Amino acid sequence: MERTFIKRTVEELESGNLLNNDYAVNIILLFEQIAPDEAKLYTNRIIDSELSLAKLISSAVEKGKTTDTYSCNKVWIIREYKIKKYIDISDAYNRIRNFAHTDEFCYLPDCKKENIAAFLIKMEHSDEKDLVEHDITIADIKKKLEELDNKNKTPVLI
């Protein structure tokens, strides 16, 4: 069974399909437990590419729901420890912040862009204690994506 898992994981990594999976980081963590040396080769390749790193980070972001007396809200939760396993979190933030201003970012599916926005929000407020008590909501995500979209647009000179 382990051999089959390793074979299929390698095939998915080689094809680039694994990083499109919402659970990619969890699959890679399991792969690392079963075949650490082989997994290390692939994770090094993943963090060398901004697009792959963005997809890995996206898969380390989970969605949940919170409720209060009047509403139910979708929230984003960043599992930093899953990212830190492969790359320094500050380096990841700097690279993803720059990546978010590229055309490649614009072509990502909306769900991945939302996850990247959540990661950026979390990192930009990591030193603020109130963020621990404040969930990242769809309103936060939309605001961040609008901010990124506005920065990505350049005026056309006539």
Protein backbone atom coordinates (compact mmCIF):
# COMPACT_ATOMS: atom_id res chain seq x y z
CA MET A 1 0.00 0.00 0.00
CA GLU A 2 2.85 2.39 0.80
CA ARG A 3 4.46 1.70 -2.58
CA THR A 4 1.21 2.51 -4.33
CA PHE A 5 0.85 5.74 -2.35
CA ILE A 6 4.44 6.75 -3.14
CA LYS A 7 4.03 5.90 -6.84
CA ARG A 8 0.78 7.86 -7.20
CA THR A 9 2.10 10.80 -5.21
CA VAL A 10 5.23 11.00 -7.37
CA GLU A 11 3.08 10.79 -10.52
CA GLU A 12 0.86 13.61 -9.27
CA LEU A 13 3.87 15.72 -8.28
CA GLU A 14 5.58 15.13 -11.64
CA SER A 15 2.44 16.06 -13.56
CA GLY A 16 1.87 19.16 -11.43
CA ASN A 17 -1.63 18.01 -10.50
CA LEU A 18 -0.97 17.43 -6.82
CA LEU A 19 -0.62 21.13 -6.05
CA ASN A 20 -4.06 21.74 -7.54
CA ASN A 21 -5.50 19.53 -4.81
CA ASP A 22 -6.87 21.40 -1.78
CA TYR A 23 -5.19 18.83 0.48
CA ALA A 24 -1.80 18.87 -1.24
CA VAL A 25 0.17 19.89 1.84
CA ASN A 26 -1.41 17.06 3.85
CA ILE A 27 -0.54 14.53 1.14
CA ILE A 28 3.03 15.85 1.04
CA LEU A 29 3.28 15.60 4.84
CA LEU A 30 2.22 11.95 4.65
CA PHE A 31 4.58 11.33 1.73
CA GLU A 32 7.37 12.79 3.85
CA GLN A 33 6.63 10.34 6.67
CA ILE A 34 6.72 7.35 4.33
CA ALA A 35 9.59 8.34 2.01
CA PRO A 36 11.46 11.29 3.58
CA ASP A 37 14.40 11.42 1.15
CA GLU A 38 12.24 11.30 -1.95
CA ALA A 39 9.76 13.78 -0.50
CA LYS A 40 12.57 16.23 0.25
CA LEU A 41 13.57 16.31 -3.41
CA TYR A 42 10.04 17.24 -4.44
CA THR A 43 9.43 19.78 -1.68
CA ASN A 44 12.67 21.54 -2.62
CA ARG A 45 11.39 21.82 -6.19
CA ILE A 46 8.05 23.11 -4.96
CA ILE A 47 9.50 25.93 -2.90
CA ASP A 48 11.83 26.95 -5.75
CA SER A 49 8.87 28.10 -7.85
CA GLU A 50 6.65 31.00 -6.81
CA LEU A 51 3.58 29.44 -8.45
CA SER A 52 4.16 26.10 -6.74
CA LEU A 53 4.86 27.80 -3.41
CA ALA A 54 1.61 29.78 -3.76
CA LYS A 55 -0.32 26.56 -4.38
CA LEU A 56 1.37 24.86 -1.42
CA ILE A 57 0.48 27.79 0.84
CA SER A 58 -3.07 27.78 -0.49
CA SER A 59 -3.41 24.14 0.53
CA ALA A 60 -2.27 25.06 4.07
CA VAL A 61 -5.25 27.39 4.42
CA GLU A 62 -8.46 25.90 5.73
CA LYS A 63 -11.97 27.25 5.74
CA GLY A 64 -14.39 27.03 8.60
CA LYS A 65 -17.50 28.68 9.91
CA THR A 66 -18.23 30.74 12.96
CA THR A 67 -21.64 31.57 14.27
CA ASP A 68 -22.99 34.19 16.55
CA THR A 69 -26.49 35.13 17.55
CA TYR A 70 -27.35 36.62 14.18
CA SER A 71 -25.19 35.03 11.52
CA CYS A 72 -22.94 32.28 10.28
CA ASN A 73 -19.66 33.42 8.72
CA LYS A 74 -17.13 31.65 6.53
CA VAL A 75 -13.61 32.13 7.92
CA TRP A 76 -10.10 31.30 6.73
CA ILE A 77 -7.58 29.64 9.06
CA ILE A 78 -3.89 29.59 8.14
CA ARG A 79 -1.98 26.53 9.31
CA GLU A 80 1.40 28.23 9.54
CA TYR A 81 3.13 25.16 10.97
CA LYS A 82 2.48 23.32 7.70
CA ILE A 83 4.20 26.09 5.74
CA LYS A 84 7.08 26.48 8.22
CA LYS A 85 7.92 22.83 7.72
CA TYR A 86 9.17 23.66 4.21
CA ILE A 87 10.18 27.31 4.18
CA ASP A 88 10.87 30.20 6.53
CA ILE A 89 7.51 31.93 6.97
CA SER A 90 8.98 35.42 6.41
CA ASP A 91 10.61 34.31 3.17
CA ALA A 92 7.33 32.73 2.07
CA TYR A 93 5.47 35.95 2.86
CA ASN A 94 7.91 38.13 0.93
CA ARG A 95 7.87 35.85 -2.10
CA ILE A 96 4.07 35.49 -2.11
CA ARG A 97 3.56 39.22 -1.58
CA ASN A 98 5.60 39.81 -4.76
CA PHE A 99 3.93 36.92 -6.57
CA ALA A 100 0.50 38.45 -5.87
CA HIS A 101 1.42 41.28 -8.24
CA THR A 102 2.16 39.03 -11.22
CA ASP A 103 0.04 37.80 -14.09
CA GLU A 104 0.44 34.23 -12.82
CA PHE A 105 -1.45 35.17 -9.66
CA CYS A 106 -4.28 36.64 -11.73
CA TYR A 107 -4.74 33.31 -13.53
CA LEU A 108 -5.10 31.27 -10.34
CA PRO A 109 -8.60 29.97 -9.52
CA ASP A 110 -10.55 32.31 -7.23
CA CYS A 111 -10.42 29.87 -4.31
CA LYS A 112 -6.60 29.83 -4.43
CA LYS A 113 -6.46 33.64 -4.70
CA GLU A 114 -8.72 33.87 -1.64
CA ASN A 115 -6.42 31.53 0.30
CA ILE A 116 -3.35 33.55 -0.72
CA ALA A 117 -5.12 36.75 0.33
CA ALA A 118 -5.89 35.17 3.72
CA PHE A 119 -2.22 34.21 4.12
CA LEU A 120 -1.12 37.75 3.28
CA ILE A 121 -3.61 39.25 5.72
CA LYS A 122 -2.44 36.92 8.49
CA MET A 123 1.21 37.71 7.86
CA GLU A 124 0.63 41.46 7.64
CA HIS A 125 -1.06 41.37 11.04
CA SER A 126 1.02 38.64 12.67
CA ASP A 127 2.29 40.95 15.40
CA GLU A 128 -1.18 42.16 16.33
CA LYS A 129 -2.74 40.22 19.18
CA ASP A 130 -6.28 41.16 18.14
CA LEU A 131 -6.00 39.10 14.93
CA VAL A 132 -5.96 35.98 17.09
CA GLU A 133 -9.42 36.97 18.25
CA HIS A 134 -10.48 38.25 14.82
CA ASP A 135 -11.23 35.65 12.18
CA ILE A 136 -10.34 36.35 8.56
CA THR A 137 -13.70 36.73 6.84
CA ILE A 138 -14.92 37.03 3.26
CA ALA A 139 -15.07 40.83 3.71
CA ASP A 140 -11.36 40.84 4.63
CA ILE A 141 -10.56 38.62 1.65
CA LYS A 142 -12.52 40.79 -0.81
CA LYS A 143 -10.84 43.93 0.48
CA LYS A 144 -7.38 42.38 0.10
CA LEU A 145 -8.12 41.06 -3.40
CA GLU A 146 -9.39 44.50 -4.46
CA GLU A 147 -6.22 46.03 -3.07
CA LEU A 148 -4.10 43.55 -5.03
CA ASP A 149 -6.19 44.07 -8.16
CA ASN A 150 -5.76 47.83 -7.94
CA LYS A 151 -1.99 47.47 -7.54
CA ASN A 152 -1.86 45.09 -10.51
CA LYS A 153 -3.55 47.59 -12.81
CA THR A 154 -1.25 50.04 -14.46
CA PRO A 155 -2.53 53.18 -16.13
CA VAL A 156 -2.41 53.22 -19.92
CA LEU A 157 -0.57 56.24 -21.28
CA ILE A 158 -1.97 57.72 -24.47
